[in-house]
Amino acid sequence: MPKKLLDLDPLRRNAILNAALKEFALKGFDKASTNIIAKEAGISKALMFHYVSNKQELFLLVYDYFTELLNKEYFMKMDFTEKDIFDRLRQSYLLQIELLKQYPWIFEFNKLSIVTNSYEVNKALEKRVNKKQLSCDEQIFDMIDVSKFRAGLNIDKCKQIILWSNIGFTNQILDEIRNSKTSNLDYKQIISSLDEYFDELRKIFYTSSSE
């Protein structure tokens, strides 16, 4: 990451990174506008390009920054010794919500890996994605305590249904972010809804002694 951006105070640095992440995630590299990024970050385009050389550098900077952030503040903090699938998923959400408070578009990070019209950007992304694939879906569902599930259930199919439910809840949070100001998001309510949602899933999949 260019030292000029690293040297910024956290508020200005995060304003630029958040604005760029949002624009690149929603429109992709090709259609993303640096004018919109600068405006949303609250700075001039000229000043923004004082910190980064061009749009490509800004895009890869955003990709690298959030890759490192997710590794450090999410993947490395996941405790996979927790064997209850719903407690594990809850842990995952709590870590993500903490990141959401500072980076409201971080759930959309995976969209930055979409192929672009730029050969240089595609090659740079290919190297980064091949180096480390940012996904822990398999890990989250691996080595769980299946003894809690009701007898006769197909565990693999249950995992798939739980995964689909998980995706649905994530999309609901994303819709709330898109339709309201970040500062107005009620994170306590999100966690409360999350707990209610997991309670209902436990009733469906677990034996009564595990609820």
C-alpha atoms as a PDB file:
ATOM      1  CA  MET A   1       0.000   0.000   0.000  1.00  0.00           C
ATOM      2  CA  PRO A   2       1.404   3.443  -0.899  1.00  0.00           C
ATOM      3  CA  LYS A   3       2.936   5.084   2.136  1.00  0.00           C
ATOM      4  CA  LYS A   4       1.042   8.326   1.454  1.00  0.00           C
ATOM      5  CA  LEU A   5      -2.243   6.610   2.189  1.00  0.00           C
ATOM      6  CA  LEU A   6      -0.838   4.727   5.172  1.00  0.00           C
ATOM      7  CA  ASP A   7       0.285   8.010   6.681  1.00  0.00           C
ATOM      8  CA  LEU A   8      -3.223   9.459   6.647  1.00  0.00           C
ATOM      9  CA  ASP A   9      -5.221   9.711   9.834  1.00  0.00           C
ATOM     10  CA  PRO A  10      -7.572   6.712  10.229  1.00  0.00           C
ATOM     11  CA  LEU A  11     -10.758   8.695   9.561  1.00  0.00           C
ATOM     12  CA  ARG A  12      -9.596  10.014   6.180  1.00  0.00           C
ATOM     13  CA  ARG A  13      -7.933   6.721   5.237  1.00  0.00           C
ATOM     14  CA  ASN A  14     -11.085   4.738   6.012  1.00  0.00           C
ATOM     15  CA  ALA A  15     -13.269   7.264   4.212  1.00  0.00           C
ATOM     16  CA  ILE A  16     -11.293   6.687   1.003  1.00  0.00           C
ATOM     17  CA  LEU A  17     -11.122   2.915   1.445  1.00  0.00           C
ATOM     18  CA  ASN A  18     -14.825   2.599   2.233  1.00  0.00           C
ATOM     19  CA  ALA A  19     -15.863   4.793  -0.675  1.00  0.00           C
ATOM     20  CA  ALA A  20     -13.633   2.843  -3.052  1.00  0.00           C
ATOM     21  CA  LEU A  21     -14.777  -0.559  -1.751  1.00  0.00           C
ATOM     22  CA  LYS A  22     -18.423   0.428  -2.188  1.00  0.00           C
ATOM     23  CA  GLU A  23     -17.946   1.758  -5.714  1.00  0.00           C
ATOM     24  CA  PHE A  24     -15.807  -1.157  -6.914  1.00  0.00           C
ATOM     25  CA  ALA A  25     -18.105  -3.750  -5.307  1.00  0.00           C
ATOM     26  CA  LEU A  26     -21.294  -2.272  -6.753  1.00  0.00           C
ATOM     27  CA  LYS A  27     -20.033  -1.427 -10.250  1.00  0.00           C
ATOM     28  CA  GLY A  28     -16.888  -3.490 -10.765  1.00  0.00           C
ATOM     29  CA  PHE A  29     -13.483  -2.126 -11.711  1.00  0.00           C
ATOM     30  CA  ASP A  30     -14.427  -1.168 -15.273  1.00  0.00           C
ATOM     31  CA  LYS A  31     -17.513   0.932 -14.512  1.00  0.00           C
ATOM     32  CA  ALA A  32     -16.412   2.317 -11.152  1.00  0.00           C
ATOM     33  CA  SER A  33     -16.014   6.109 -11.110  1.00  0.00           C
ATOM     34  CA  THR A  34     -13.090   7.730  -9.336  1.00  0.00           C
ATOM     35  CA  ASN A  35     -15.129  10.953  -9.316  1.00  0.00           C
ATOM     36  CA  ILE A  36     -17.804   9.245  -7.215  1.00  0.00           C
ATOM     37  CA  ILE A  37     -15.191   7.656  -4.935  1.00  0.00           C
ATOM     38  CA  ALA A  38     -13.551  11.016  -4.247  1.00  0.00           C
ATOM     39  CA  LYS A  39     -16.895  12.748  -3.702  1.00  0.00           C
ATOM     40  CA  GLU A  40     -18.122  10.087  -1.275  1.00  0.00           C
ATOM     41  CA  ALA A  41     -14.787  10.164   0.561  1.00  0.00           C
ATOM     42  CA  GLY A  42     -15.181  13.917   0.974  1.00  0.00           C
ATOM     43  CA  ILE A  43     -12.010  14.886  -0.878  1.00  0.00           C
ATOM     44  CA  SER A  44     -11.121  16.218  -4.308  1.00  0.00           C
ATOM     45  CA  LYS A  45     -10.152  13.826  -7.077  1.00  0.00           C
ATOM     46  CA  ALA A  46      -6.816  15.602  -7.388  1.00  0.00           C
ATOM     47  CA  LEU A  47      -6.080  15.024  -3.707  1.00  0.00           C
ATOM     48  CA  MET A  48      -7.078  11.370  -3.961  1.00  0.00           C
ATOM     49  CA  PHE A  49      -4.630  10.878  -6.803  1.00  0.00           C
ATOM     50  CA  HIS A  50      -1.974  12.449  -4.637  1.00  0.00           C
ATOM     51  CA  TYR A  51      -2.294   9.338  -2.444  1.00  0.00           C
ATOM     52  CA  VAL A  52      -2.578   6.800  -5.292  1.00  0.00           C
ATOM     53  CA  SER A  53      -1.312   7.037  -8.860  1.00  0.00           C
ATOM     54  CA  ASN A  54      -4.369   5.825 -10.751  1.00  0.00           C
ATOM     55  CA  LYS A  55      -7.602   3.829 -10.636  1.00  0.00           C
ATOM     56  CA  GLN A  56      -5.826   0.475 -11.010  1.00  0.00           C
ATOM     57  CA  GLU A  57      -3.513   1.183  -8.099  1.00  0.00           C
ATOM     58  CA  LEU A  58      -6.468   2.239  -5.956  1.00  0.00           C
ATOM     59  CA  PHE A  59      -8.388  -0.936  -6.843  1.00  0.00           C
ATOM     60  CA  LEU A  60      -5.508  -3.263  -5.988  1.00  0.00           C
ATOM     61  CA  LEU A  61      -4.781  -1.250  -2.864  1.00  0.00           C
ATOM     62  CA  VAL A  62      -8.377  -1.785  -1.720  1.00  0.00           C
ATOM     63  CA  TYR A  63      -8.178  -5.489  -2.555  1.00  0.00           C
ATOM     64  CA  ASP A  64      -4.929  -5.972  -0.613  1.00  0.00           C
ATOM     65  CA  TYR A  65      -6.043  -3.886   2.348  1.00  0.00           C
ATOM     66  CA  PHE A  66      -9.290  -5.766   2.880  1.00  0.00           C
ATOM     67  CA  THR A  67      -7.653  -9.142   2.216  1.00  0.00           C
ATOM     68  CA  GLU A  68      -5.218  -8.466   5.050  1.00  0.00           C
ATOM     69  CA  LEU A  69      -7.940  -7.015   7.267  1.00  0.00           C
ATOM     70  CA  LEU A  70     -10.239 -10.017   6.807  1.00  0.00           C
ATOM     71  CA  ASN A  71      -7.398 -12.433   7.471  1.00  0.00           C
ATOM     72  CA  LYS A  72      -6.365 -10.642  10.634  1.00  0.00           C
ATOM     73  CA  GLU A  73      -9.722  -9.616  12.087  1.00  0.00           C
ATOM     74  CA  TYR A  74     -11.941 -12.444  10.863  1.00  0.00           C
ATOM     75  CA  PHE A  75     -10.349 -15.689   9.629  1.00  0.00           C
ATOM     76  CA  MET A  76      -7.548 -15.783  12.206  1.00  0.00           C
ATOM     77  CA  LYS A  77      -9.997 -15.012  15.042  1.00  0.00           C
ATOM     78  CA  MET A  78     -12.445 -17.793  14.185  1.00  0.00           C
ATOM     79  CA  ASP A  79     -12.375 -20.460  16.897  1.00  0.00           C
ATOM     80  CA  PHE A  80     -12.939 -23.779  15.163  1.00  0.00           C
ATOM     81  CA  THR A  81     -12.676 -25.687  18.419  1.00  0.00           C
ATOM     82  CA  GLU A  82     -16.317 -24.667  18.835  1.00  0.00           C
ATOM     83  CA  LYS A  83     -18.206 -27.691  17.459  1.00  0.00           C
ATOM     84  CA  ASP A  84     -21.806 -26.466  17.606  1.00  0.00           C
ATOM     85  CA  ILE A  85     -22.587 -25.271  14.074  1.00  0.00           C
ATOM     86  CA  PHE A  86     -24.931 -22.509  15.207  1.00  0.00           C
ATOM     87  CA  ASP A  87     -22.544 -21.209  17.877  1.00  0.00           C
ATOM     88  CA  ARG A  88     -19.813 -21.263  15.246  1.00  0.00           C
ATOM     89  CA  LEU A  89     -21.971 -19.323  12.790  1.00  0.00           C
ATOM     90  CA  ARG A  90     -22.902 -16.833  15.519  1.00  0.00           C
ATOM     91  CA  GLN A  91     -19.213 -16.297  16.243  1.00  0.00           C
ATOM     92  CA  SER A  92     -18.647 -15.681  12.540  1.00  0.00           C
ATOM     93  CA  TYR A  93     -21.412 -13.076  12.430  1.00  0.00           C
ATOM     94  CA  LEU A  94     -20.190 -11.251  15.542  1.00  0.00           C
ATOM     95  CA  LEU A  95     -16.724 -10.897  14.044  1.00  0.00           C
ATOM     96  CA  GLN A  96     -18.190  -9.652  10.769  1.00  0.00           C
ATOM     97  CA  ILE A  97     -20.488  -7.189  12.521  1.00  0.00           C
ATOM     98  CA  GLU A  98     -17.514  -5.661  14.331  1.00  0.00           C
ATOM     99  CA  LEU A  99     -15.902  -5.113  10.934  1.00  0.00           C
ATOM    100  CA  LEU A 100     -19.175  -3.772   9.518  1.00  0.00           C
ATOM    101  CA  LYS A 101     -19.168  -0.958  12.049  1.00  0.00           C
ATOM    102  CA  GLN A 102     -16.042   0.507  10.440  1.00  0.00           C
ATOM    103  CA  TYR A 103     -16.333  -0.918   6.922  1.00  0.00           C
ATOM    104  CA  PRO A 104     -20.034  -1.144   5.964  1.00  0.00           C
ATOM    105  CA  TRP A 105     -19.404  -2.696   2.544  1.00  0.00           C
ATOM    106  CA  ILE A 106     -16.997  -5.405   3.657  1.00  0.00           C
ATOM    107  CA  PHE A 107     -19.598  -8.144   3.072  1.00  0.00           C
ATOM    108  CA  GLU A 108     -19.303  -7.279  -0.630  1.00  0.00           C
ATOM    109  CA  PHE A 109     -15.528  -7.786  -0.757  1.00  0.00           C
ATOM    110  CA  ASN A 110     -15.728 -11.021  -2.777  1.00  0.00           C
ATOM    111  CA  LYS A 111     -17.146  -9.065  -5.731  1.00  0.00           C
ATOM    112  CA  LEU A 112     -13.730  -7.493  -6.256  1.00  0.00           C
ATOM    113  CA  SER A 113     -12.485 -10.816  -7.671  1.00  0.00           C
ATOM    114  CA  ILE A 114     -14.805 -10.606 -10.702  1.00  0.00           C
ATOM    115  CA  VAL A 115     -12.968 -10.596 -14.049  1.00  0.00           C
ATOM    116  CA  THR A 116     -12.453  -7.121 -15.532  1.00  0.00           C
ATOM    117  CA  ASN A 117     -11.695  -5.763 -19.005  1.00  0.00           C
ATOM    118  CA  SER A 118      -8.153  -4.957 -17.888  1.00  0.00           C
ATOM    119  CA  TYR A 119      -5.512  -7.601 -18.602  1.00  0.00           C
ATOM    120  CA  GLU A 120      -3.184  -6.104 -15.987  1.00  0.00           C
ATOM    121  CA  VAL A 121      -5.848  -6.093 -13.275  1.00  0.00           C
ATOM    122  CA  ASN A 122      -6.936  -9.650 -14.127  1.00  0.00           C
ATOM    123  CA  LYS A 123      -3.365 -10.947 -13.891  1.00  0.00           C
ATOM    124  CA  ALA A 124      -2.840  -9.149 -10.594  1.00  0.00           C
ATOM    125  CA  LEU A 125      -6.086 -10.609  -9.200  1.00  0.00           C
ATOM    126  CA  GLU A 126      -5.214 -14.081 -10.438  1.00  0.00           C
ATOM    127  CA  LYS A 127      -1.957 -14.038  -8.488  1.00  0.00           C
ATOM    128  CA  ARG A 128      -3.715 -12.823  -5.357  1.00  0.00           C
ATOM    129  CA  VAL A 129      -6.616 -15.286  -5.518  1.00  0.00           C
ATOM    130  CA  ASN A 130      -4.302 -18.221  -6.225  1.00  0.00           C
ATOM    131  CA  LYS A 131      -2.110 -17.263  -3.305  1.00  0.00           C
ATOM    132  CA  LYS A 132      -4.969 -17.552  -0.822  1.00  0.00           C
ATOM    133  CA  GLN A 133      -8.637 -18.149  -1.446  1.00  0.00           C
ATOM    134  CA  LEU A 134     -10.713 -16.083   0.985  1.00  0.00           C
ATOM    135  CA  SER A 135     -13.467 -18.486   1.943  1.00  0.00           C
ATOM    136  CA  CYS A 136     -14.084 -20.386   5.133  1.00  0.00           C
ATOM    137  CA  ASP A 137     -17.503 -21.863   4.291  1.00  0.00           C
ATOM    138  CA  GLU A 138     -16.035 -25.375   4.213  1.00  0.00           C
ATOM    139  CA  GLN A 139     -14.151 -24.804   7.472  1.00  0.00           C
ATOM    140  CA  ILE A 140     -17.264 -23.500   9.223  1.00  0.00           C
ATOM    141  CA  PHE A 141     -19.176 -26.684   8.376  1.00  0.00           C
ATOM    142  CA  ASP A 142     -16.226 -29.025   8.926  1.00  0.00           C
ATOM    143  CA  MET A 143     -15.771 -31.135  12.072  1.00  0.00           C
ATOM    144  CA  ILE A 144     -19.019 -30.088  13.729  1.00  0.00           C
ATOM    145  CA  ASP A 145     -20.859 -32.019  16.431  1.00  0.00           C
ATOM    146  CA  VAL A 146     -23.361 -34.012  14.365  1.00  0.00           C
ATOM    147  CA  SER A 147     -24.623 -35.882  17.445  1.00  0.00           C
ATOM    148  CA  LYS A 148     -26.895 -32.903  18.167  1.00  0.00           C
ATOM    149  CA  PHE A 149     -28.904 -33.414  14.978  1.00  0.00           C
ATOM    150  CA  ARG A 150     -32.172 -35.302  14.954  1.00  0.00           C
ATOM    151  CA  ALA A 151     -31.919 -38.987  14.093  1.00  0.00           C
ATOM    152  CA  GLY A 152     -32.593 -39.861  10.469  1.00  0.00           C
ATOM    153  CA  LEU A 153     -31.579 -36.490   9.019  1.00  0.00           C
ATOM    154  CA  ASN A 154     -29.191 -36.295   6.078  1.00  0.00           C
ATOM    155  CA  ILE A 155     -26.402 -34.211   7.644  1.00  0.00           C
ATOM    156  CA  ASP A 156     -24.939 -33.042   4.325  1.00  0.00           C
ATOM    157  CA  LYS A 157     -28.333 -31.787   3.165  1.00  0.00           C
ATOM    158  CA  CYS A 158     -28.900 -30.150   6.550  1.00  0.00           C
ATOM    159  CA  LYS A 159     -25.597 -28.299   6.185  1.00  0.00           C
ATOM    160  CA  GLN A 160     -26.669 -27.070   2.755  1.00  0.00           C
ATOM    161  CA  ILE A 161     -30.015 -25.816   4.073  1.00  0.00           C
ATOM    162  CA  ILE A 162     -28.277 -24.057   6.965  1.00  0.00           C
ATOM    163  CA  LEU A 163     -25.818 -22.497   4.511  1.00  0.00           C
ATOM    164  CA  TRP A 164     -28.683 -21.201   2.346  1.00  0.00           C
ATOM    165  CA  SER A 165     -30.357 -19.752   5.435  1.00  0.00           C
ATOM    166  CA  ASN A 166     -27.073 -18.135   6.395  1.00  0.00           C
ATOM    167  CA  ILE A 167     -26.765 -16.544   2.947  1.00  0.00           C
ATOM    168  CA  GLY A 168     -30.327 -15.269   3.215  1.00  0.00           C
ATOM    169  CA  PHE A 169     -29.669 -13.586   6.536  1.00  0.00           C
ATOM    170  CA  THR A 170     -26.478 -12.021   5.174  1.00  0.00           C
ATOM    171  CA  ASN A 171     -28.405 -10.648   2.189  1.00  0.00           C
ATOM    172  CA  GLN A 172     -30.976  -9.182   4.576  1.00  0.00           C
ATOM    173  CA  ILE A 173     -28.215  -7.298   6.397  1.00  0.00           C
ATOM    174  CA  LEU A 174     -26.839  -6.085   3.057  1.00  0.00           C
ATOM    175  CA  ASP A 175     -30.272  -4.788   2.074  1.00  0.00           C
ATOM    176  CA  GLU A 176     -30.470  -2.850   5.351  1.00  0.00           C
ATOM    177  CA  ILE A 177     -27.076  -1.297   4.608  1.00  0.00           C
ATOM    178  CA  ARG A 178     -28.119  -0.330   1.084  1.00  0.00           C
ATOM    179  CA  ASN A 179     -31.420   1.182   2.216  1.00  0.00           C
ATOM    180  CA  SER A 180     -30.283   3.165   5.240  1.00  0.00           C
ATOM    181  CA  LYS A 181     -27.442   5.293   6.485  1.00  0.00           C
ATOM    182  CA  THR A 182     -24.721   3.237   8.147  1.00  0.00           C
ATOM    183  CA  SER A 183     -24.831   5.362  11.279  1.00  0.00           C
ATOM    184  CA  ASN A 184     -28.489   4.436  11.724  1.00  0.00           C
ATOM    185  CA  LEU A 185     -27.988   0.674  11.622  1.00  0.00           C
ATOM    186  CA  ASP A 186     -29.122  -0.995  14.852  1.00  0.00           C
ATOM    187  CA  TYR A 187     -26.422  -3.609  15.434  1.00  0.00           C
ATOM    188  CA  LYS A 188     -27.984  -4.767  18.708  1.00  0.00           C
ATOM    189  CA  GLN A 189     -31.197  -5.481  16.838  1.00  0.00           C
ATOM    190  CA  ILE A 190     -29.279  -7.364  14.149  1.00  0.00           C
ATOM    191  CA  ILE A 191     -27.676  -9.578  16.816  1.00  0.00           C
ATOM    192  CA  SER A 192     -31.029 -10.080  18.541  1.00  0.00           C
ATOM    193  CA  SER A 193     -32.607 -11.147  15.238  1.00  0.00           C
ATOM    194  CA  LEU A 194     -29.639 -13.414  14.620  1.00  0.00           C
ATOM    195  CA  ASP A 195     -30.137 -15.178  17.968  1.00  0.00           C
ATOM    196  CA  GLU A 196     -33.853 -15.653  17.288  1.00  0.00           C
ATOM    197  CA  TYR A 197     -33.027 -17.054  13.855  1.00  0.00           C
ATOM    198  CA  PHE A 198     -30.533 -19.565  15.305  1.00  0.00           C
ATOM    199  CA  ASP A 199     -32.998 -20.593  18.028  1.00  0.00           C
ATOM    200  CA  GLU A 200     -35.536 -21.503  15.353  1.00  0.00           C
ATOM    201  CA  LEU A 201     -32.962 -23.431  13.327  1.00  0.00           C
ATOM    202  CA  ARG A 202     -31.974 -25.409  16.428  1.00  0.00           C
ATOM    203  CA  LYS A 203     -35.624 -26.407  16.901  1.00  0.00           C
ATOM    204  CA  ILE A 204     -35.738 -27.675  13.324  1.00  0.00           C
ATOM    205  CA  PHE A 205     -32.475 -29.644  13.209  1.00  0.00           C
ATOM    206  CA  TYR A 206     -31.514 -30.552  16.795  1.00  0.00           C
ATOM    207  CA  THR A 207     -32.957 -33.076  19.199  1.00  0.00           C
ATOM    208  CA  SER A 208     -34.921 -31.545  22.104  1.00  0.00           C
ATOM    209  CA  SER A 209     -32.050 -32.278  24.532  1.00  0.00           C
ATOM    210  CA  SER A 210     -29.707 -30.126  22.408  1.00  0.00           C
ATOM    211  CA  GLU A 211     -31.979 -27.091  22.084  1.00  0.00           C
END
